[in-house]
Amino acid sequence: MLPNFDRTYKYVYRDLYGDRKRYGIFAPGVDRFLLVDYEDIWLTLQTAEILSSKLPTVVFILSPGSAVVTNDNCMDYTVFNKTKVRVNNSPLVVSRQHPSVHFLGEHDFVTYAGVSEDYNNPDGLAILSRLKDYINFVHDMVYALNVTEILYNSREVSNFANSYLKKAWSNNFLTIADRSSLENGIFAELRHILYMCDTIQQAEERIIDVWKNHSTDQAFIMSGFYAMMKRDIPAELTHLVQMKPQNVSLGIF
């Protein structure tokens, strides 16, 4: 018997007509949307959490009437009446640093506002352009890291044990995040890099360093990561590919 999907929670993912909803990351300090995602609310929230090291963000489940907003034009759009939109009982304009998820209702209009006045000058426009590039980079990386972790990290035990097992049980066996020497695993370290860095170049250099210095038995995961991004393995890391078991294929798709 199929489960009954006529539940309130489905409206996080679909509208009344069954169409897929989209999710927007809004920055109260910039008074504009920074990103629109078309696929996954959880990874949108993870991107917002990473970006919160740079500026406060809020994730909105967008109403059907906001379909005009896309990831390409979102930095020209804002919430029309911010006095009525509340985040954890606070007005949107004073929402907290830690991002959270909220519905943007049918009557909470998204409206075109153009470039924010505070940034409508050559220096400001350059700042917004760099910010948007980094946001899109982070969002791509968030997707790639999560899919890589699911498909290629067969040694992930710690999250499972912490989520489902009693401590008395899990204390009796080794729980690890992966084969790396990092305390919380290589994926946690890569997300931390995205959280701490300010530019794409800085992040990519530190990511390469992590693979270099913590690559024991990790070449298979590293190859999977770059395959998810449809990018060649950086020249500095190609020697590590020789460590990958030759009888394992990356041809998943």
C-alpha atoms as a PDB file:
ATOM      1  CA  MET A   1       0.000   0.000   0.000  1.00  0.00           C
ATOM      2  CA  LEU A   2       1.400   3.376  -1.015  1.00  0.00           C
ATOM      3  CA  PRO A   3       1.729   5.994   1.736  1.00  0.00           C
ATOM      4  CA  ASN A   4      -0.616   8.973   1.724  1.00  0.00           C
ATOM      5  CA  PHE A   5       1.346  12.001   0.526  1.00  0.00           C
ATOM      6  CA  ASP A   6      -1.508  14.433   1.101  1.00  0.00           C
ATOM      7  CA  ARG A   7       0.235  16.011   4.064  1.00  0.00           C
ATOM      8  CA  THR A   8       1.130  19.586   4.969  1.00  0.00           C
ATOM      9  CA  TYR A   9       4.864  18.952   4.661  1.00  0.00           C
ATOM     10  CA  LYS A  10       4.588  18.363   0.925  1.00  0.00           C
ATOM     11  CA  TYR A  11       3.974  22.093   0.401  1.00  0.00           C
ATOM     12  CA  VAL A  12       7.619  22.674   1.249  1.00  0.00           C
ATOM     13  CA  TYR A  13       8.363  20.936  -2.057  1.00  0.00           C
ATOM     14  CA  ARG A  14       5.302  21.436  -4.290  1.00  0.00           C
ATOM     15  CA  ASP A  15       2.589  24.049  -4.725  1.00  0.00           C
ATOM     16  CA  LEU A  16      -1.154  23.368  -4.880  1.00  0.00           C
ATOM     17  CA  TYR A  17      -0.837  22.424  -8.558  1.00  0.00           C
ATOM     18  CA  GLY A  18       1.966  19.952  -7.950  1.00  0.00           C
ATOM     19  CA  ASP A  19       4.674  22.174  -9.440  1.00  0.00           C
ATOM     20  CA  ARG A  20       8.094  22.102  -7.811  1.00  0.00           C
ATOM     21  CA  LYS A  21       8.802  25.016  -5.494  1.00  0.00           C
ATOM     22  CA  ARG A  22      11.990  27.052  -5.504  1.00  0.00           C
ATOM     23  CA  TYR A  23      14.046  28.386  -2.615  1.00  0.00           C
ATOM     24  CA  GLY A  24      15.642  31.802  -2.243  1.00  0.00           C
ATOM     25  CA  ILE A  25      18.502  32.957  -0.026  1.00  0.00           C
ATOM     26  CA  PHE A  26      17.785  36.516   1.088  1.00  0.00           C
ATOM     27  CA  ALA A  27      20.318  38.884   2.682  1.00  0.00           C
ATOM     28  CA  PRO A  28      18.630  41.529   4.889  1.00  0.00           C
ATOM     29  CA  GLY A  29      21.833  43.600   4.917  1.00  0.00           C
ATOM     30  CA  VAL A  30      21.884  43.840   1.126  1.00  0.00           C
ATOM     31  CA  ASP A  31      18.067  43.862   0.930  1.00  0.00           C
ATOM     32  CA  ARG A  32      18.180  41.515  -2.044  1.00  0.00           C
ATOM     33  CA  PHE A  33      18.013  37.818  -2.860  1.00  0.00           C
ATOM     34  CA  LEU A  34      21.435  36.254  -3.337  1.00  0.00           C
ATOM     35  CA  LEU A  35      20.500  32.920  -4.879  1.00  0.00           C
ATOM     36  CA  VAL A  36      17.527  30.945  -6.136  1.00  0.00           C
ATOM     37  CA  ASP A  37      17.683  27.147  -6.012  1.00  0.00           C
ATOM     38  CA  TYR A  38      15.438  24.874  -8.064  1.00  0.00           C
ATOM     39  CA  GLU A  39      16.167  21.492  -6.496  1.00  0.00           C
ATOM     40  CA  ASP A  40      16.861  20.995  -2.791  1.00  0.00           C
ATOM     41  CA  ILE A  41      15.849  23.039   0.246  1.00  0.00           C
ATOM     42  CA  TRP A  42      18.327  21.242   2.528  1.00  0.00           C
ATOM     43  CA  LEU A  43      21.318  22.087   0.365  1.00  0.00           C
ATOM     44  CA  THR A  44      20.031  25.643  -0.036  1.00  0.00           C
ATOM     45  CA  LEU A  45      20.039  25.927   3.758  1.00  0.00           C
ATOM     46  CA  GLN A  46      23.539  24.474   3.913  1.00  0.00           C
ATOM     47  CA  THR A  47      24.705  27.095   1.404  1.00  0.00           C
ATOM     48  CA  ALA A  48      23.080  29.821   3.524  1.00  0.00           C
ATOM     49  CA  GLU A  49      24.862  28.485   6.614  1.00  0.00           C
ATOM     50  CA  ILE A  50      28.216  28.673   4.840  1.00  0.00           C
ATOM     51  CA  LEU A  51      27.475  32.196   3.597  1.00  0.00           C
ATOM     52  CA  SER A  52      26.503  33.319   7.113  1.00  0.00           C
ATOM     53  CA  SER A  53      30.204  33.825   7.874  1.00  0.00           C
ATOM     54  CA  LYS A  54      30.063  36.752   5.448  1.00  0.00           C
ATOM     55  CA  LEU A  55      26.577  38.184   6.028  1.00  0.00           C
ATOM     56  CA  PRO A  56      23.247  37.240   7.674  1.00  0.00           C
ATOM     57  CA  THR A  57      20.942  35.225   5.454  1.00  0.00           C
ATOM     58  CA  VAL A  58      17.390  33.868   5.462  1.00  0.00           C
ATOM     59  CA  VAL A  59      16.064  31.010   3.324  1.00  0.00           C
ATOM     60  CA  PHE A  60      12.585  31.531   1.905  1.00  0.00           C
ATOM     61  CA  ILE A  61      10.318  28.925   0.377  1.00  0.00           C
ATOM     62  CA  LEU A  62       9.125  31.032  -2.518  1.00  0.00           C
ATOM     63  CA  SER A  63       5.467  31.456  -3.370  1.00  0.00           C
ATOM     64  CA  PRO A  64       4.218  30.601  -6.893  1.00  0.00           C
ATOM     65  CA  GLY A  65       3.807  34.303  -7.632  1.00  0.00           C
ATOM     66  CA  SER A  66       7.549  34.857  -7.379  1.00  0.00           C
ATOM     67  CA  ALA A  67       8.362  32.746 -10.440  1.00  0.00           C
ATOM     68  CA  VAL A  68       9.825  35.816 -12.170  1.00  0.00           C
ATOM     69  CA  VAL A  69      12.826  35.636  -9.833  1.00  0.00           C
ATOM     70  CA  THR A  70      15.649  33.401 -11.091  1.00  0.00           C
ATOM     71  CA  ASN A  71      19.198  32.750  -9.997  1.00  0.00           C
ATOM     72  CA  ASP A  72      20.392  35.041 -12.786  1.00  0.00           C
ATOM     73  CA  ASN A  73      18.329  38.099 -11.794  1.00  0.00           C
ATOM     74  CA  CYS A  74      17.687  37.554  -8.065  1.00  0.00           C
ATOM     75  CA  MET A  75      20.037  40.340  -6.922  1.00  0.00           C
ATOM     76  CA  ASP A  76      17.584  42.821  -8.466  1.00  0.00           C
ATOM     77  CA  TYR A  77      14.669  41.548  -6.345  1.00  0.00           C
ATOM     78  CA  THR A  78      13.603  42.119  -2.748  1.00  0.00           C
ATOM     79  CA  VAL A  79      10.694  41.377  -0.422  1.00  0.00           C
ATOM     80  CA  PHE A  80       8.060  44.057  -0.931  1.00  0.00           C
ATOM     81  CA  ASN A  81       6.855  44.594   2.646  1.00  0.00           C
ATOM     82  CA  LYS A  82       9.539  43.593   5.122  1.00  0.00           C
ATOM     83  CA  THR A  83       7.585  44.922   8.114  1.00  0.00           C
ATOM     84  CA  LYS A  84       5.097  42.053   7.766  1.00  0.00           C
ATOM     85  CA  VAL A  85       7.617  39.265   7.197  1.00  0.00           C
ATOM     86  CA  ARG A  86       8.961  37.942  10.486  1.00  0.00           C
ATOM     87  CA  VAL A  87      11.864  35.614  11.197  1.00  0.00           C
ATOM     88  CA  ASN A  88      11.656  33.845  14.540  1.00  0.00           C
ATOM     89  CA  ASN A  89       9.346  36.567  15.910  1.00  0.00           C
ATOM     90  CA  SER A  90      11.702  39.345  14.781  1.00  0.00           C
ATOM     91  CA  PRO A  91      11.196  41.680  11.806  1.00  0.00           C
ATOM     92  CA  LEU A  92      13.076  40.608   8.699  1.00  0.00           C
ATOM     93  CA  VAL A  93      15.341  43.647   8.881  1.00  0.00           C
ATOM     94  CA  VAL A  94      16.794  42.519  12.230  1.00  0.00           C
ATOM     95  CA  SER A  95      16.829  38.743  11.685  1.00  0.00           C
ATOM     96  CA  ARG A  96      19.557  36.679  13.275  1.00  0.00           C
ATOM     97  CA  GLN A  97      22.971  35.674  11.937  1.00  0.00           C
ATOM     98  CA  HIS A  98      22.156  31.953  11.973  1.00  0.00           C
ATOM     99  CA  PRO A  99      20.008  31.254   8.891  1.00  0.00           C
ATOM    100  CA  SER A 100      16.610  29.608   9.149  1.00  0.00           C
ATOM    101  CA  VAL A 101      13.883  28.578   6.704  1.00  0.00           C
ATOM    102  CA  HIS A 102      10.530  30.332   6.316  1.00  0.00           C
ATOM    103  CA  PHE A 103       7.600  30.383   3.934  1.00  0.00           C
ATOM    104  CA  LEU A 104       7.187  33.463   1.794  1.00  0.00           C
ATOM    105  CA  GLY A 105       3.416  33.468   1.531  1.00  0.00           C
ATOM    106  CA  GLU A 106       1.103  34.277  -1.330  1.00  0.00           C
ATOM    107  CA  HIS A 107       0.730  37.893  -0.187  1.00  0.00           C
ATOM    108  CA  ASP A 108       4.365  38.499   0.783  1.00  0.00           C
ATOM    109  CA  PHE A 109       5.252  39.899  -2.589  1.00  0.00           C
ATOM    110  CA  VAL A 110       8.683  39.742  -4.189  1.00  0.00           C
ATOM    111  CA  THR A 111       9.282  42.875  -6.217  1.00  0.00           C
ATOM    112  CA  TYR A 112      11.837  44.207  -8.680  1.00  0.00           C
ATOM    113  CA  ALA A 113      14.003  46.895  -7.093  1.00  0.00           C
ATOM    114  CA  GLY A 114      17.117  46.990  -9.275  1.00  0.00           C
ATOM    115  CA  VAL A 115      20.564  47.386  -7.802  1.00  0.00           C
ATOM    116  CA  SER A 116      20.605  48.253  -4.119  1.00  0.00           C
ATOM    117  CA  GLU A 117      21.304  51.978  -3.729  1.00  0.00           C
ATOM    118  CA  ASP A 118      24.154  51.297  -1.300  1.00  0.00           C
ATOM    119  CA  TYR A 119      25.961  49.340  -4.029  1.00  0.00           C
ATOM    120  CA  ASN A 120      24.969  51.323  -7.124  1.00  0.00           C
ATOM    121  CA  ASN A 121      28.471  52.640  -7.826  1.00  0.00           C
ATOM    122  CA  PRO A 122      31.538  51.099  -9.520  1.00  0.00           C
ATOM    123  CA  ASP A 123      33.067  49.743  -6.288  1.00  0.00           C
ATOM    124  CA  GLY A 124      29.732  48.486  -5.004  1.00  0.00           C
ATOM    125  CA  LEU A 125      28.863  46.756  -8.267  1.00  0.00           C
ATOM    126  CA  ALA A 126      32.259  45.050  -8.251  1.00  0.00           C
ATOM    127  CA  ILE A 127      31.612  43.839  -4.690  1.00  0.00           C
ATOM    128  CA  LEU A 128      28.208  42.438  -5.673  1.00  0.00           C
ATOM    129  CA  SER A 129      29.671  40.720  -8.725  1.00  0.00           C
ATOM    130  CA  ARG A 130      32.381  39.009  -6.664  1.00  0.00           C
ATOM    131  CA  LEU A 131      29.830  38.084  -4.009  1.00  0.00           C
ATOM    132  CA  LYS A 132      27.493  36.518  -6.548  1.00  0.00           C
ATOM    133  CA  ASP A 133      30.333  34.554  -8.153  1.00  0.00           C
ATOM    134  CA  TYR A 134      31.356  33.178  -4.769  1.00  0.00           C
ATOM    135  CA  ILE A 135      27.767  32.336  -3.825  1.00  0.00           C
ATOM    136  CA  ASN A 136      27.247  30.358  -7.043  1.00  0.00           C
ATOM    137  CA  PHE A 137      30.605  28.630  -6.500  1.00  0.00           C
ATOM    138  CA  VAL A 138      29.689  27.672  -2.928  1.00  0.00           C
ATOM    139  CA  HIS A 139      26.289  26.352  -4.001  1.00  0.00           C
ATOM    140  CA  ASP A 140      27.855  24.171  -6.701  1.00  0.00           C
ATOM    141  CA  MET A 141      30.388  22.910  -4.177  1.00  0.00           C
ATOM    142  CA  VAL A 142      27.678  22.122  -1.628  1.00  0.00           C
ATOM    143  CA  TYR A 143      25.876  19.944  -4.165  1.00  0.00           C
ATOM    144  CA  ALA A 144      29.105  18.253  -5.297  1.00  0.00           C
ATOM    145  CA  LEU A 145      30.285  17.555  -1.739  1.00  0.00           C
ATOM    146  CA  ASN A 146      26.975  16.068  -0.632  1.00  0.00           C
ATOM    147  CA  VAL A 147      26.576  13.857  -3.696  1.00  0.00           C
ATOM    148  CA  THR A 148      30.217  12.758  -3.488  1.00  0.00           C
ATOM    149  CA  GLU A 149      29.803  11.905   0.180  1.00  0.00           C
ATOM    150  CA  ILE A 150      26.744   9.780  -0.548  1.00  0.00           C
ATOM    151  CA  LEU A 151      28.166   7.931  -3.545  1.00  0.00           C
ATOM    152  CA  TYR A 152      31.873   7.572  -2.758  1.00  0.00           C
ATOM    153  CA  ASN A 153      32.364   7.625   1.006  1.00  0.00           C
ATOM    154  CA  SER A 154      31.683   4.037   2.000  1.00  0.00           C
ATOM    155  CA  ARG A 155      33.475   4.426   5.357  1.00  0.00           C
ATOM    156  CA  GLU A 156      31.081   7.003   6.842  1.00  0.00           C
ATOM    157  CA  VAL A 157      29.982   5.514  10.157  1.00  0.00           C
ATOM    158  CA  SER A 158      30.156   8.340  12.687  1.00  0.00           C
ATOM    159  CA  ASN A 159      27.109  10.315  11.508  1.00  0.00           C
ATOM    160  CA  PHE A 160      25.032   7.143  11.371  1.00  0.00           C
ATOM    161  CA  ALA A 161      26.132   6.085  14.834  1.00  0.00           C
ATOM    162  CA  ASN A 162      25.536   9.516  16.336  1.00  0.00           C
ATOM    163  CA  SER A 163      22.083   9.754  14.769  1.00  0.00           C
ATOM    164  CA  TYR A 164      20.662   6.305  15.455  1.00  0.00           C
ATOM    165  CA  LEU A 165      22.691   4.315  17.974  1.00  0.00           C
ATOM    166  CA  LYS A 166      22.960   4.561  21.724  1.00  0.00           C
ATOM    167  CA  LYS A 167      26.344   5.710  22.977  1.00  0.00           C
ATOM    168  CA  ALA A 168      26.697   2.489  24.945  1.00  0.00           C
ATOM    169  CA  TRP A 169      26.556   0.577  21.652  1.00  0.00           C
ATOM    170  CA  SER A 170      28.712   2.833  19.475  1.00  0.00           C
ATOM    171  CA  ASN A 171      31.444   3.097  22.121  1.00  0.00           C
ATOM    172  CA  ASN A 172      32.217  -0.558  21.484  1.00  0.00           C
ATOM    173  CA  PHE A 173      33.398  -0.036  17.900  1.00  0.00           C
ATOM    174  CA  LEU A 174      35.320   2.482  15.838  1.00  0.00           C
ATOM    175  CA  THR A 175      33.195   5.208  14.288  1.00  0.00           C
ATOM    176  CA  ILE A 176      34.896   7.284  11.619  1.00  0.00           C
ATOM    177  CA  ALA A 177      33.781   9.861   9.089  1.00  0.00           C
ATOM    178  CA  ASP A 178      36.127   8.559   6.369  1.00  0.00           C
ATOM    179  CA  ARG A 179      39.679   7.265   5.914  1.00  0.00           C
ATOM    180  CA  SER A 180      41.320  10.681   6.353  1.00  0.00           C
ATOM    181  CA  SER A 181      43.356  11.688   9.388  1.00  0.00           C
ATOM    182  CA  LEU A 182      41.012  14.617  10.048  1.00  0.00           C
ATOM    183  CA  GLU A 183      39.019  14.425  13.277  1.00  0.00           C
ATOM    184  CA  ASN A 184      35.658  15.179  11.636  1.00  0.00           C
ATOM    185  CA  GLY A 185      36.487  13.851   8.194  1.00  0.00           C
ATOM    186  CA  ILE A 186      37.481  15.453   4.934  1.00  0.00           C
ATOM    187  CA  PHE A 187      33.986  16.605   3.972  1.00  0.00           C
ATOM    188  CA  ALA A 188      33.605  18.600   7.180  1.00  0.00           C
ATOM    189  CA  GLU A 189      36.997  20.174   6.504  1.00  0.00           C
ATOM    190  CA  LEU A 190      36.049  21.136   2.941  1.00  0.00           C
ATOM    191  CA  ARG A 191      32.815  22.751   4.133  1.00  0.00           C
ATOM    192  CA  HIS A 192      34.778  24.617   6.795  1.00  0.00           C
ATOM    193  CA  ILE A 193      37.064  25.991   4.070  1.00  0.00           C
ATOM    194  CA  LEU A 194      34.057  27.345   2.170  1.00  0.00           C
ATOM    195  CA  TYR A 195      32.787  28.908   5.399  1.00  0.00           C
ATOM    196  CA  MET A 196      36.087  30.645   6.155  1.00  0.00           C
ATOM    197  CA  CYS A 197      37.189  31.754   2.673  1.00  0.00           C
ATOM    198  CA  ASP A 198      36.148  34.922   0.869  1.00  0.00           C
ATOM    199  CA  THR A 199      37.182  34.223  -2.723  1.00  0.00           C
ATOM    200  CA  ILE A 200      36.987  31.341  -5.176  1.00  0.00           C
ATOM    201  CA  GLN A 201      40.762  31.301  -5.660  1.00  0.00           C
ATOM    202  CA  GLN A 202      41.421  31.162  -1.929  1.00  0.00           C
ATOM    203  CA  ALA A 203      38.927  28.328  -1.460  1.00  0.00           C
ATOM    204  CA  GLU A 204      40.246  26.268  -4.370  1.00  0.00           C
ATOM    205  CA  GLU A 205      43.853  26.581  -3.157  1.00  0.00           C
ATOM    206  CA  ARG A 206      42.932  25.429   0.342  1.00  0.00           C
ATOM    207  CA  ILE A 207      40.819  22.572  -1.021  1.00  0.00           C
ATOM    208  CA  ILE A 208      43.821  21.342  -3.036  1.00  0.00           C
ATOM    209  CA  ASP A 209      45.965  21.531   0.112  1.00  0.00           C
ATOM    210  CA  VAL A 210      43.480  19.398   2.023  1.00  0.00           C
ATOM    211  CA  TRP A 211      43.484  16.689  -0.645  1.00  0.00           C
ATOM    212  CA  LYS A 212      47.297  16.854  -0.743  1.00  0.00           C
ATOM    213  CA  ASN A 213      47.820  16.493   2.982  1.00  0.00           C
ATOM    214  CA  HIS A 214      44.980  14.117   3.866  1.00  0.00           C
ATOM    215  CA  SER A 215      44.760  11.858   0.845  1.00  0.00           C
ATOM    216  CA  THR A 216      45.598   8.471   2.359  1.00  0.00           C
ATOM    217  CA  ASP A 217      43.148   6.045   0.737  1.00  0.00           C
ATOM    218  CA  GLN A 218      41.160   9.100  -0.336  1.00  0.00           C
ATOM    219  CA  ALA A 219      42.036   9.230  -4.044  1.00  0.00           C
ATOM    220  CA  PHE A 220      38.823   7.459  -5.004  1.00  0.00           C
ATOM    221  CA  ILE A 221      36.753  10.054  -3.128  1.00  0.00           C
ATOM    222  CA  MET A 222      38.841  12.899  -4.559  1.00  0.00           C
ATOM    223  CA  SER A 223      38.339  11.608  -8.109  1.00  0.00           C
ATOM    224  CA  GLY A 224      34.611  11.320  -7.447  1.00  0.00           C
ATOM    225  CA  PHE A 225      34.469  14.878  -6.188  1.00  0.00           C
ATOM    226  CA  TYR A 226      36.005  16.356  -9.329  1.00  0.00           C
ATOM    227  CA  ALA A 227      33.876  14.049 -11.479  1.00  0.00           C
ATOM    228  CA  MET A 228      30.770  15.500  -9.803  1.00  0.00           C
ATOM    229  CA  MET A 229      32.002  18.970 -10.736  1.00  0.00           C
ATOM    230  CA  LYS A 230      32.816  17.807 -14.305  1.00  0.00           C
ATOM    231  CA  ARG A 231      36.293  19.220 -13.826  1.00  0.00           C
ATOM    232  CA  ASP A 232      39.730  17.767 -14.438  1.00  0.00           C
ATOM    233  CA  ILE A 233      41.716  16.856 -11.356  1.00  0.00           C
ATOM    234  CA  PRO A 234      44.145  19.743 -10.663  1.00  0.00           C
ATOM    235  CA  ALA A 235      47.701  19.088 -11.841  1.00  0.00           C
ATOM    236  CA  GLU A 236      48.956  19.259  -8.244  1.00  0.00           C
ATOM    237  CA  LEU A 237      46.816  16.226  -7.396  1.00  0.00           C
ATOM    238  CA  THR A 238      47.123  13.988 -10.451  1.00  0.00           C
ATOM    239  CA  HIS A 239      49.853  11.881  -8.828  1.00  0.00           C
ATOM    240  CA  LEU A 240      47.339  10.843  -6.167  1.00  0.00           C
ATOM    241  CA  VAL A 241      45.132   9.195  -8.771  1.00  0.00           C
ATOM    242  CA  GLN A 242      47.740   6.430  -8.992  1.00  0.00           C
ATOM    243  CA  MET A 243      46.723   5.521  -5.442  1.00  0.00           C
ATOM    244  CA  LYS A 244      43.155   4.812  -6.549  1.00  0.00           C
ATOM    245  CA  PRO A 245      42.267   1.109  -6.898  1.00  0.00           C
ATOM    246  CA  GLN A 246      42.432   0.346 -10.602  1.00  0.00           C
ATOM    247  CA  ASN A 247      39.484  -2.048 -10.501  1.00  0.00           C
ATOM    248  CA  VAL A 248      37.056   0.656  -9.290  1.00  0.00           C
ATOM    249  CA  SER A 249      35.156   2.638 -11.896  1.00  0.00           C
ATOM    250  CA  LEU A 250      33.844   6.182 -11.585  1.00  0.00           C
ATOM    251  CA  GLY A 251      31.430   5.674 -14.460  1.00  0.00           C
ATOM    252  CA  ILE A 252      28.285   5.916 -12.365  1.00  0.00           C
ATOM    253  CA  PHE A 253      26.296   8.054 -14.770  1.00  0.00           C
END
